[in-house]
Amino acid sequence: MEKKTTMLRRLLSRDEILVVPGAYDALSAIAAAKSGFEAVYMTGSGASTSLTGLPDIGLTTMTEMVMKAGYMAEAIPVPLFSDADTGYGNAVNVMRTVREFERAGVAGIHLEDQVAPKRCGHVAGKQVISMEEAVGKIRAAVAARTDPDFVIIARIDSKAVHGFDDAVKRGLACLEAGADVIFPEALETREEFGEYAKAVKAPLLANMTEFGRTPYLTAQEFQELGYKIVIYPATSLRVAAKAVLDFYAELKRTGTQKGYLDKMLTRQQYYELIDYAKYNEFEKEFVG
């Protein structure tokens, strides 16, 4: 059976862009895989908020993130790659972070060049570490992996702090340090995405988040600009949270869920989503 890390490498080697939805728990990861997506991304903000109810400002620990990523990776037949924030410390901490995510069955991670505690990449007030420290973290990550197919993604947050040219320099330096993919965060125009792809000749990841700094480009547009991956990190969580809030308001107002039956999965549809029947078969075969 092909390893999921090898699967992700293969997907990155083709000409077609890899369109990857963000998931925040095992159920949303299953839904993404069953919808036909070839890989799934564990959103850091979504994983943090759904687990702890806390914002994406570095309050979730490496252990908590690895635990959640492990459940998600185990639940789906396609590769999962994950936000690993700043690596949860210095370059030596990064080495352990890589080993833990790798052991959890994750196919790859991205590491950002922000200071800790980090911020969401699309909000004001970010700070970044020096380029030398950022490169050292990528070198450490590459050295720490035991599976050479485990994908190391360098997220570059410096454009908002030091400008476009600095983000290019950091991308090139991280590529030279062994990063497999470069992720320029919070570029603000179609032209910037295009110029970055011309300057950094590497597999590139685009973050198509909502309500941020990035314009709404299609996957096809990103592909034409030279990008290999586009992620939609918190979209499903935002959709789910709005649906839940709307339902709770309706339940509070009416005292019944009957008006929402056509907006939810039936019991059978839900059981099909989670392969309930498979476990019934296991009971028949193995339980005395």
C-alpha atoms as a PDB file:
ATOM      1  CA  MET A   1       0.000   0.000   0.000  1.00  0.00           C
ATOM      2  CA  GLU A   2       1.317   3.436  -0.930  1.00  0.00           C
ATOM      3  CA  LYS A   3       2.340   5.573   2.028  1.00  0.00           C
ATOM      4  CA  LYS A   4       0.335   8.743   2.493  1.00  0.00           C
ATOM      5  CA  THR A   5       3.521  10.793   2.428  1.00  0.00           C
ATOM      6  CA  THR A   6       4.346   9.254  -0.956  1.00  0.00           C
ATOM      7  CA  MET A   7       0.774   9.920  -2.103  1.00  0.00           C
ATOM      8  CA  LEU A   8       1.168  13.598  -1.250  1.00  0.00           C
ATOM      9  CA  ARG A   9       4.508  13.769  -3.081  1.00  0.00           C
ATOM     10  CA  ARG A  10       2.900  12.215  -6.134  1.00  0.00           C
ATOM     11  CA  LEU A  11       0.044  14.708  -6.067  1.00  0.00           C
ATOM     12  CA  LEU A  12       2.551  17.549  -5.893  1.00  0.00           C
ATOM     13  CA  SER A  13       4.506  16.211  -8.864  1.00  0.00           C
ATOM     14  CA  ARG A  14       1.671  16.539 -11.381  1.00  0.00           C
ATOM     15  CA  ASP A  15       0.817  19.618 -13.422  1.00  0.00           C
ATOM     16  CA  GLU A  16      -2.702  20.051 -12.012  1.00  0.00           C
ATOM     17  CA  ILE A  17      -3.036  22.147  -8.857  1.00  0.00           C
ATOM     18  CA  LEU A  18      -3.946  20.286  -5.669  1.00  0.00           C
ATOM     19  CA  VAL A  19      -7.146  21.750  -4.198  1.00  0.00           C
ATOM     20  CA  VAL A  20      -7.262  21.062  -0.467  1.00  0.00           C
ATOM     21  CA  PRO A  21     -10.113  21.923   1.919  1.00  0.00           C
ATOM     22  CA  GLY A  22      -9.397  22.681   5.533  1.00  0.00           C
ATOM     23  CA  ALA A  23     -10.827  20.379   8.185  1.00  0.00           C
ATOM     24  CA  TYR A  24     -10.919  20.893  11.934  1.00  0.00           C
ATOM     25  CA  ASP A  25     -11.735  17.426  13.299  1.00  0.00           C
ATOM     26  CA  ALA A  26     -12.024  13.827  12.170  1.00  0.00           C
ATOM     27  CA  LEU A  27     -15.640  14.159  11.036  1.00  0.00           C
ATOM     28  CA  SER A  28     -14.951  17.168   8.810  1.00  0.00           C
ATOM     29  CA  ALA A  29     -11.876  15.377   7.431  1.00  0.00           C
ATOM     30  CA  ILE A  30     -14.033  12.348   6.572  1.00  0.00           C
ATOM     31  CA  ALA A  31     -16.549  14.629   4.855  1.00  0.00           C
ATOM     32  CA  ALA A  32     -13.764  16.228   2.787  1.00  0.00           C
ATOM     33  CA  ALA A  33     -12.345  12.869   1.713  1.00  0.00           C
ATOM     34  CA  LYS A  34     -15.770  11.458   0.869  1.00  0.00           C
ATOM     35  CA  SER A  35     -16.472  14.550  -1.217  1.00  0.00           C
ATOM     36  CA  GLY A  36     -13.644  13.491  -3.508  1.00  0.00           C
ATOM     37  CA  PHE A  37     -10.760  15.679  -2.375  1.00  0.00           C
ATOM     38  CA  GLU A  38      -7.375  14.028  -2.779  1.00  0.00           C
ATOM     39  CA  ALA A  39      -5.804  15.530   0.349  1.00  0.00           C
ATOM     40  CA  VAL A  40      -7.012  17.312   3.482  1.00  0.00           C
ATOM     41  CA  TYR A  41      -5.451  20.152   5.473  1.00  0.00           C
ATOM     42  CA  MET A  42      -5.741  20.487   9.255  1.00  0.00           C
ATOM     43  CA  THR A  43      -6.340  24.154   9.930  1.00  0.00           C
ATOM     44  CA  GLY A  44      -4.491  25.448  12.963  1.00  0.00           C
ATOM     45  CA  SER A  45      -7.113  28.038  13.831  1.00  0.00           C
ATOM     46  CA  GLY A  46      -9.968  25.586  13.338  1.00  0.00           C
ATOM     47  CA  ALA A  47      -8.265  22.800  15.251  1.00  0.00           C
ATOM     48  CA  SER A  48      -7.430  25.146  18.115  1.00  0.00           C
ATOM     49  CA  THR A  49     -10.873  26.714  18.323  1.00  0.00           C
ATOM     50  CA  SER A  50     -12.824  23.471  17.971  1.00  0.00           C
ATOM     51  CA  LEU A  51     -10.681  21.757  20.605  1.00  0.00           C
ATOM     52  CA  THR A  52     -10.275  24.512  23.182  1.00  0.00           C
ATOM     53  CA  GLY A  53     -12.575  27.369  22.207  1.00  0.00           C
ATOM     54  CA  LEU A  54      -9.521  29.623  22.100  1.00  0.00           C
ATOM     55  CA  PRO A  55      -8.346  31.939  19.309  1.00  0.00           C
ATOM     56  CA  ASP A  56      -5.424  31.195  17.000  1.00  0.00           C
ATOM     57  CA  ILE A  57      -2.732  33.016  18.996  1.00  0.00           C
ATOM     58  CA  GLY A  58      -0.428  30.162  19.949  1.00  0.00           C
ATOM     59  CA  LEU A  59      -2.399  28.908  22.960  1.00  0.00           C
ATOM     60  CA  THR A  60      -2.701  25.332  21.709  1.00  0.00           C
ATOM     61  CA  THR A  61       0.243  23.072  22.481  1.00  0.00           C
ATOM     62  CA  MET A  62       2.164  20.793  20.158  1.00  0.00           C
ATOM     63  CA  THR A  63       0.782  17.749  21.997  1.00  0.00           C
ATOM     64  CA  GLU A  64      -2.812  18.891  21.491  1.00  0.00           C
ATOM     65  CA  MET A  65      -2.270  19.626  17.794  1.00  0.00           C
ATOM     66  CA  VAL A  66      -0.522  16.314  17.149  1.00  0.00           C
ATOM     67  CA  MET A  67      -3.282  14.425  18.964  1.00  0.00           C
ATOM     68  CA  LYS A  68      -5.973  16.022  16.843  1.00  0.00           C
ATOM     69  CA  ALA A  69      -4.005  15.585  13.616  1.00  0.00           C
ATOM     70  CA  GLY A  70      -3.486  11.918  14.434  1.00  0.00           C
ATOM     71  CA  TYR A  71      -7.219  11.275  14.784  1.00  0.00           C
ATOM     72  CA  MET A  72      -7.859  13.078  11.514  1.00  0.00           C
ATOM     73  CA  ALA A  73      -5.103  11.297   9.595  1.00  0.00           C
ATOM     74  CA  GLU A  74      -6.293   7.901  10.830  1.00  0.00           C
ATOM     75  CA  ALA A  75      -9.888   8.621   9.793  1.00  0.00           C
ATOM     76  CA  ILE A  76      -9.256   9.205   6.090  1.00  0.00           C
ATOM     77  CA  PRO A  77      -7.670   7.258   3.202  1.00  0.00           C
ATOM     78  CA  VAL A  78      -6.009  10.355   1.690  1.00  0.00           C
ATOM     79  CA  PRO A  79      -3.007  12.369   2.925  1.00  0.00           C
ATOM     80  CA  LEU A  80      -3.475  14.930   5.681  1.00  0.00           C
ATOM     81  CA  PHE A  81      -1.021  17.778   6.078  1.00  0.00           C
ATOM     82  CA  SER A  82      -1.159  20.166   8.975  1.00  0.00           C
ATOM     83  CA  ASP A  83      -0.429  23.568  10.382  1.00  0.00           C
ATOM     84  CA  ALA A  84       2.403  23.225  12.900  1.00  0.00           C
ATOM     85  CA  ASP A  85       2.526  26.912  13.833  1.00  0.00           C
ATOM     86  CA  THR A  86       6.044  28.058  14.757  1.00  0.00           C
ATOM     87  CA  GLY A  87       7.205  24.541  15.561  1.00  0.00           C
ATOM     88  CA  TYR A  88       6.454  25.177  19.267  1.00  0.00           C
ATOM     89  CA  GLY A  89       9.883  26.523  20.160  1.00  0.00           C
ATOM     90  CA  ASN A  90      13.319  26.840  18.654  1.00  0.00           C
ATOM     91  CA  ALA A  91      14.930  24.651  16.013  1.00  0.00           C
ATOM     92  CA  VAL A  92      15.483  21.817  18.487  1.00  0.00           C
ATOM     93  CA  ASN A  93      11.794  21.899  19.423  1.00  0.00           C
ATOM     94  CA  VAL A  94      11.020  21.787  15.712  1.00  0.00           C
ATOM     95  CA  MET A  95      12.892  18.497  15.451  1.00  0.00           C
ATOM     96  CA  ARG A  96      10.618  16.885  18.013  1.00  0.00           C
ATOM     97  CA  THR A  97       7.567  18.484  16.391  1.00  0.00           C
ATOM     98  CA  VAL A  98       8.432  16.874  13.055  1.00  0.00           C
ATOM     99  CA  ARG A  99       8.929  13.455  14.629  1.00  0.00           C
ATOM    100  CA  GLU A 100       5.634  13.647  16.540  1.00  0.00           C
ATOM    101  CA  PHE A 101       3.554  14.682  13.520  1.00  0.00           C
ATOM    102  CA  GLU A 102       5.302  12.050  11.415  1.00  0.00           C
ATOM    103  CA  ARG A 103       4.579   9.357  14.011  1.00  0.00           C
ATOM    104  CA  ALA A 104       0.917  10.452  14.100  1.00  0.00           C
ATOM    105  CA  GLY A 105       0.505   9.560  10.432  1.00  0.00           C
ATOM    106  CA  VAL A 106       0.486  13.096   9.048  1.00  0.00           C
ATOM    107  CA  ALA A 107       1.934  13.464   5.533  1.00  0.00           C
ATOM    108  CA  GLY A 108       3.467  16.905   6.008  1.00  0.00           C
ATOM    109  CA  ILE A 109       3.444  20.122   8.025  1.00  0.00           C
ATOM    110  CA  HIS A 110       4.063  23.806   7.529  1.00  0.00           C
ATOM    111  CA  LEU A 111       6.263  25.852   9.821  1.00  0.00           C
ATOM    112  CA  GLU A 112       6.033  29.626   9.933  1.00  0.00           C
ATOM    113  CA  ASP A 113       8.614  32.311  10.615  1.00  0.00           C
ATOM    114  CA  GLN A 114       6.595  34.239  13.199  1.00  0.00           C
ATOM    115  CA  VAL A 115       7.702  34.857  16.748  1.00  0.00           C
ATOM    116  CA  ALA A 116       5.907  32.933  19.475  1.00  0.00           C
ATOM    117  CA  PRO A 117       3.158  33.412  20.429  1.00  0.00           C
ATOM    118  CA  LYS A 118       2.036  33.668  16.803  1.00  0.00           C
ATOM    119  CA  ARG A 119      -0.969  35.421  15.294  1.00  0.00           C
ATOM    120  CA  CYS A 120      -3.314  34.587  12.478  1.00  0.00           C
ATOM    121  CA  GLY A 121      -1.450  35.344   9.271  1.00  0.00           C
ATOM    122  CA  HIS A 122      -4.085  37.831   8.070  1.00  0.00           C
ATOM    123  CA  VAL A 123      -4.346  40.087  11.130  1.00  0.00           C
ATOM    124  CA  ALA A 124      -2.290  43.110  12.067  1.00  0.00           C
ATOM    125  CA  GLY A 125       0.558  43.037  14.565  1.00  0.00           C
ATOM    126  CA  LYS A 126       2.549  40.039  13.334  1.00  0.00           C
ATOM    127  CA  GLN A 127       6.230  39.821  14.149  1.00  0.00           C
ATOM    128  CA  VAL A 128       8.755  37.505  12.544  1.00  0.00           C
ATOM    129  CA  ILE A 129      12.001  35.924  13.631  1.00  0.00           C
ATOM    130  CA  SER A 130      15.222  36.600  11.749  1.00  0.00           C
ATOM    131  CA  MET A 131      15.744  34.934   8.408  1.00  0.00           C
ATOM    132  CA  GLU A 132      18.694  33.026   9.875  1.00  0.00           C
ATOM    133  CA  GLU A 133      16.545  31.558  12.644  1.00  0.00           C
ATOM    134  CA  ALA A 134      13.760  30.715  10.210  1.00  0.00           C
ATOM    135  CA  VAL A 135      16.177  28.918   7.906  1.00  0.00           C
ATOM    136  CA  GLY A 136      17.637  27.044  10.881  1.00  0.00           C
ATOM    137  CA  LYS A 137      14.178  25.745  11.751  1.00  0.00           C
ATOM    138  CA  ILE A 138      13.668  24.441   8.222  1.00  0.00           C
ATOM    139  CA  ARG A 139      17.097  22.797   8.227  1.00  0.00           C
ATOM    140  CA  ALA A 140      16.261  21.165  11.564  1.00  0.00           C
ATOM    141  CA  ALA A 141      12.895  19.944  10.264  1.00  0.00           C
ATOM    142  CA  VAL A 142      14.502  18.369   7.207  1.00  0.00           C
ATOM    143  CA  ALA A 143      17.161  16.699   9.353  1.00  0.00           C
ATOM    144  CA  ALA A 144      14.600  15.347  11.833  1.00  0.00           C
ATOM    145  CA  ARG A 145      12.261  13.508   9.480  1.00  0.00           C
ATOM    146  CA  THR A 146      12.734   9.766   9.220  1.00  0.00           C
ATOM    147  CA  ASP A 147      10.516   9.382   6.153  1.00  0.00           C
ATOM    148  CA  PRO A 148      12.131  11.268   3.269  1.00  0.00           C
ATOM    149  CA  ASP A 149       8.684  11.698   1.683  1.00  0.00           C
ATOM    150  CA  PHE A 150       7.334  13.643   4.686  1.00  0.00           C
ATOM    151  CA  VAL A 151       6.640  17.091   3.232  1.00  0.00           C
ATOM    152  CA  ILE A 152       8.178  20.168   4.862  1.00  0.00           C
ATOM    153  CA  ILE A 153       6.404  23.421   3.966  1.00  0.00           C
ATOM    154  CA  ALA A 154       7.997  26.765   4.858  1.00  0.00           C
ATOM    155  CA  ARG A 155       5.391  29.425   5.563  1.00  0.00           C
ATOM    156  CA  ILE A 156       6.715  32.942   5.014  1.00  0.00           C
ATOM    157  CA  ASP A 157       4.902  35.623   7.033  1.00  0.00           C
ATOM    158  CA  SER A 158       7.399  38.427   6.550  1.00  0.00           C
ATOM    159  CA  LYS A 159       5.710  40.228   3.647  1.00  0.00           C
ATOM    160  CA  ALA A 160       3.393  42.098   6.031  1.00  0.00           C
ATOM    161  CA  VAL A 161       6.318  42.986   8.308  1.00  0.00           C
ATOM    162  CA  HIS A 162       9.336  43.619   6.065  1.00  0.00           C
ATOM    163  CA  GLY A 163       7.842  43.752   2.598  1.00  0.00           C
ATOM    164  CA  PHE A 164       7.604  41.664  -0.547  1.00  0.00           C
ATOM    165  CA  ASP A 165      11.331  41.495  -1.315  1.00  0.00           C
ATOM    166  CA  ASP A 166      12.103  40.118   2.138  1.00  0.00           C
ATOM    167  CA  ALA A 167       9.442  37.436   1.669  1.00  0.00           C
ATOM    168  CA  VAL A 168      11.107  36.448  -1.607  1.00  0.00           C
ATOM    169  CA  LYS A 169      14.539  36.243   0.039  1.00  0.00           C
ATOM    170  CA  ARG A 170      13.178  34.106   2.842  1.00  0.00           C
ATOM    171  CA  GLY A 171      11.379  31.816   0.428  1.00  0.00           C
ATOM    172  CA  LEU A 172      14.549  31.259  -1.584  1.00  0.00           C
ATOM    173  CA  ALA A 173      16.603  30.706   1.570  1.00  0.00           C
ATOM    174  CA  CYS A 174      14.114  28.165   2.957  1.00  0.00           C
ATOM    175  CA  LEU A 175      14.052  26.386  -0.391  1.00  0.00           C
ATOM    176  CA  GLU A 176      17.836  26.131  -0.317  1.00  0.00           C
ATOM    177  CA  ALA A 177      17.594  24.823   3.269  1.00  0.00           C
ATOM    178  CA  GLY A 178      15.523  21.879   2.030  1.00  0.00           C
ATOM    179  CA  ALA A 179      11.870  22.967   2.210  1.00  0.00           C
ATOM    180  CA  ASP A 180       9.716  21.033  -0.234  1.00  0.00           C
ATOM    181  CA  VAL A 181       7.051  23.725  -0.605  1.00  0.00           C
ATOM    182  CA  ILE A 182       7.061  27.487  -0.014  1.00  0.00           C
ATOM    183  CA  PHE A 183       3.940  29.137   1.412  1.00  0.00           C
ATOM    184  CA  PRO A 184       3.953  32.957   1.061  1.00  0.00           C
ATOM    185  CA  GLU A 185       1.304  34.081   3.526  1.00  0.00           C
ATOM    186  CA  ALA A 186      -1.062  37.042   3.117  1.00  0.00           C
ATOM    187  CA  LEU A 187      -0.112  38.260  -0.337  1.00  0.00           C
ATOM    188  CA  GLU A 188      -2.588  40.966  -1.263  1.00  0.00           C
ATOM    189  CA  THR A 189      -3.027  41.058  -5.031  1.00  0.00           C
ATOM    190  CA  ARG A 190      -3.127  38.727  -8.000  1.00  0.00           C
ATOM    191  CA  GLU A 191      -0.018  40.493  -9.252  1.00  0.00           C
ATOM    192  CA  GLU A 192       1.870  39.744  -6.031  1.00  0.00           C
ATOM    193  CA  PHE A 193       1.059  36.054  -6.318  1.00  0.00           C
ATOM    194  CA  GLY A 194       2.294  36.074  -9.878  1.00  0.00           C
ATOM    195  CA  GLU A 195       5.493  37.985  -9.089  1.00  0.00           C
ATOM    196  CA  TYR A 196       6.252  35.665  -6.183  1.00  0.00           C
ATOM    197  CA  ALA A 197       5.944  32.617  -8.416  1.00  0.00           C
ATOM    198  CA  LYS A 198       8.321  34.189 -10.927  1.00  0.00           C
ATOM    199  CA  ALA A 199      10.874  34.997  -8.206  1.00  0.00           C
ATOM    200  CA  VAL A 200      10.676  31.754  -6.192  1.00  0.00           C
ATOM    201  CA  LYS A 201      10.906  28.776  -8.534  1.00  0.00           C
ATOM    202  CA  ALA A 202       9.509  26.146  -6.197  1.00  0.00           C
ATOM    203  CA  PRO A 203       6.296  24.265  -5.472  1.00  0.00           C
ATOM    204  CA  LEU A 204       4.156  27.039  -3.984  1.00  0.00           C
ATOM    205  CA  LEU A 205       1.122  26.973  -1.689  1.00  0.00           C
ATOM    206  CA  ALA A 206      -1.607  29.628  -1.770  1.00  0.00           C
ATOM    207  CA  ASN A 207      -3.877  30.270   1.196  1.00  0.00           C
ATOM    208  CA  MET A 208      -7.363  31.152  -0.076  1.00  0.00           C
ATOM    209  CA  THR A 209      -8.885  32.206   3.212  1.00  0.00           C
ATOM    210  CA  GLU A 210     -11.962  34.390   3.591  1.00  0.00           C
ATOM    211  CA  PHE A 211     -12.186  37.908   4.992  1.00  0.00           C
ATOM    212  CA  GLY A 212      -8.410  38.310   4.944  1.00  0.00           C
ATOM    213  CA  ARG A 213      -5.828  40.112   2.836  1.00  0.00           C
ATOM    214  CA  THR A 214      -5.900  37.760  -0.142  1.00  0.00           C
ATOM    215  CA  PRO A 215      -8.259  38.445  -3.068  1.00  0.00           C
ATOM    216  CA  TYR A 216     -10.696  35.720  -4.061  1.00  0.00           C
ATOM    217  CA  LEU A 217      -8.926  33.808  -6.828  1.00  0.00           C
ATOM    218  CA  THR A 218     -10.066  30.465  -8.204  1.00  0.00           C
ATOM    219  CA  ALA A 219      -7.976  27.329  -8.090  1.00  0.00           C
ATOM    220  CA  GLN A 220      -7.528  27.593 -11.837  1.00  0.00           C
ATOM    221  CA  GLU A 221      -6.217  31.142 -11.490  1.00  0.00           C
ATOM    222  CA  PHE A 222      -3.701  30.048  -8.865  1.00  0.00           C
ATOM    223  CA  GLN A 223      -2.590  27.231 -11.147  1.00  0.00           C
ATOM    224  CA  GLU A 224      -2.087  29.654 -14.016  1.00  0.00           C
ATOM    225  CA  LEU A 225       0.020  31.846 -11.729  1.00  0.00           C
ATOM    226  CA  GLY A 226       2.292  28.905 -10.910  1.00  0.00           C
ATOM    227  CA  TYR A 227       0.969  27.456  -7.641  1.00  0.00           C
ATOM    228  CA  LYS A 228       0.917  23.741  -6.786  1.00  0.00           C
ATOM    229  CA  ILE A 229      -1.466  23.777  -3.805  1.00  0.00           C
ATOM    230  CA  VAL A 230      -4.371  25.956  -2.735  1.00  0.00           C
ATOM    231  CA  ILE A 231      -5.884  25.526   0.727  1.00  0.00           C
ATOM    232  CA  TYR A 232      -9.223  26.739   2.075  1.00  0.00           C
ATOM    233  CA  PRO A 233      -8.327  26.479   5.755  1.00  0.00           C
ATOM    234  CA  ALA A 234     -11.228  27.693   7.886  1.00  0.00           C
ATOM    235  CA  THR A 235     -14.037  27.764   5.318  1.00  0.00           C
ATOM    236  CA  SER A 236     -15.809  24.628   6.502  1.00  0.00           C
ATOM    237  CA  LEU A 237     -15.577  25.723  10.135  1.00  0.00           C
ATOM    238  CA  ARG A 238     -17.087  29.110   9.330  1.00  0.00           C
ATOM    239  CA  VAL A 239     -19.908  27.444   7.389  1.00  0.00           C
ATOM    240  CA  ALA A 240     -20.533  24.935  10.187  1.00  0.00           C
ATOM    241  CA  ALA A 241     -20.442  27.549  12.947  1.00  0.00           C
ATOM    242  CA  LYS A 242     -22.976  29.740  11.134  1.00  0.00           C
ATOM    243  CA  ALA A 243     -25.272  26.766  10.529  1.00  0.00           C
ATOM    244  CA  VAL A 244     -25.118  25.778  14.198  1.00  0.00           C
ATOM    245  CA  LEU A 245     -25.760  29.343  15.390  1.00  0.00           C
ATOM    246  CA  ASP A 246     -28.716  29.677  13.023  1.00  0.00           C
ATOM    247  CA  PHE A 247     -30.156  26.378  14.248  1.00  0.00           C
ATOM    248  CA  TYR A 248     -29.723  27.253  17.925  1.00  0.00           C
ATOM    249  CA  ALA A 249     -31.528  30.553  17.316  1.00  0.00           C
ATOM    250  CA  GLU A 250     -34.388  28.671  15.657  1.00  0.00           C
ATOM    251  CA  LEU A 251     -34.564  26.107  18.474  1.00  0.00           C
ATOM    252  CA  LYS A 252     -34.570  28.858  21.097  1.00  0.00           C
ATOM    253  CA  ARG A 253     -37.324  30.695  19.230  1.00  0.00           C
ATOM    254  CA  THR A 254     -39.619  27.742  18.423  1.00  0.00           C
ATOM    255  CA  GLY A 255     -38.776  25.007  20.906  1.00  0.00           C
ATOM    256  CA  THR A 256     -38.554  22.386  18.146  1.00  0.00           C
ATOM    257  CA  GLN A 257     -36.117  21.175  15.485  1.00  0.00           C
ATOM    258  CA  LYS A 258     -38.876  20.156  13.056  1.00  0.00           C
ATOM    259  CA  GLY A 259     -38.321  23.178  10.822  1.00  0.00           C
ATOM    260  CA  TYR A 260     -34.695  22.180  10.335  1.00  0.00           C
ATOM    261  CA  LEU A 261     -35.131  18.539   9.302  1.00  0.00           C
ATOM    262  CA  ASP A 262     -34.475  19.312   5.625  1.00  0.00           C
ATOM    263  CA  LYS A 263     -31.224  21.085   6.557  1.00  0.00           C
ATOM    264  CA  MET A 264     -29.610  18.159   8.363  1.00  0.00           C
ATOM    265  CA  LEU A 265     -28.336  14.710   7.476  1.00  0.00           C
ATOM    266  CA  THR A 266     -30.818  11.938   8.083  1.00  0.00           C
ATOM    267  CA  ARG A 267     -29.809   9.219  10.504  1.00  0.00           C
ATOM    268  CA  GLN A 268     -29.018   6.949   7.546  1.00  0.00           C
ATOM    269  CA  GLN A 269     -26.964   9.591   5.763  1.00  0.00           C
ATOM    270  CA  TYR A 270     -25.008  10.293   8.943  1.00  0.00           C
ATOM    271  CA  TYR A 271     -24.343   6.596   9.498  1.00  0.00           C
ATOM    272  CA  GLU A 272     -23.159   6.265   5.902  1.00  0.00           C
ATOM    273  CA  LEU A 273     -20.769   9.176   6.391  1.00  0.00           C
ATOM    274  CA  ILE A 274     -19.069   7.485   9.340  1.00  0.00           C
ATOM    275  CA  ASP A 275     -19.278   3.909   7.939  1.00  0.00           C
ATOM    276  CA  TYR A 276     -21.436   2.692  10.801  1.00  0.00           C
ATOM    277  CA  ALA A 277     -22.312  -0.527   8.930  1.00  0.00           C
ATOM    278  CA  LYS A 278     -18.649  -1.542   8.844  1.00  0.00           C
ATOM    279  CA  TYR A 279     -18.592  -1.754  12.630  1.00  0.00           C
ATOM    280  CA  ASN A 280     -21.761  -3.828  12.662  1.00  0.00           C
ATOM    281  CA  GLU A 281     -19.954  -6.289  10.384  1.00  0.00           C
ATOM    282  CA  PHE A 282     -16.944  -6.287  12.724  1.00  0.00           C
ATOM    283  CA  GLU A 283     -19.241  -7.219  15.607  1.00  0.00           C
ATOM    284  CA  LYS A 284     -20.765 -10.051  13.642  1.00  0.00           C
ATOM    285  CA  GLU A 285     -17.337 -11.403  12.733  1.00  0.00           C
ATOM    286  CA  PHE A 286     -15.363 -10.909  15.925  1.00  0.00           C
ATOM    287  CA  VAL A 287     -17.696 -10.466  18.909  1.00  0.00           C
ATOM    288  CA  GLY A 288     -18.795 -13.747  20.491  1.00  0.00           C
END
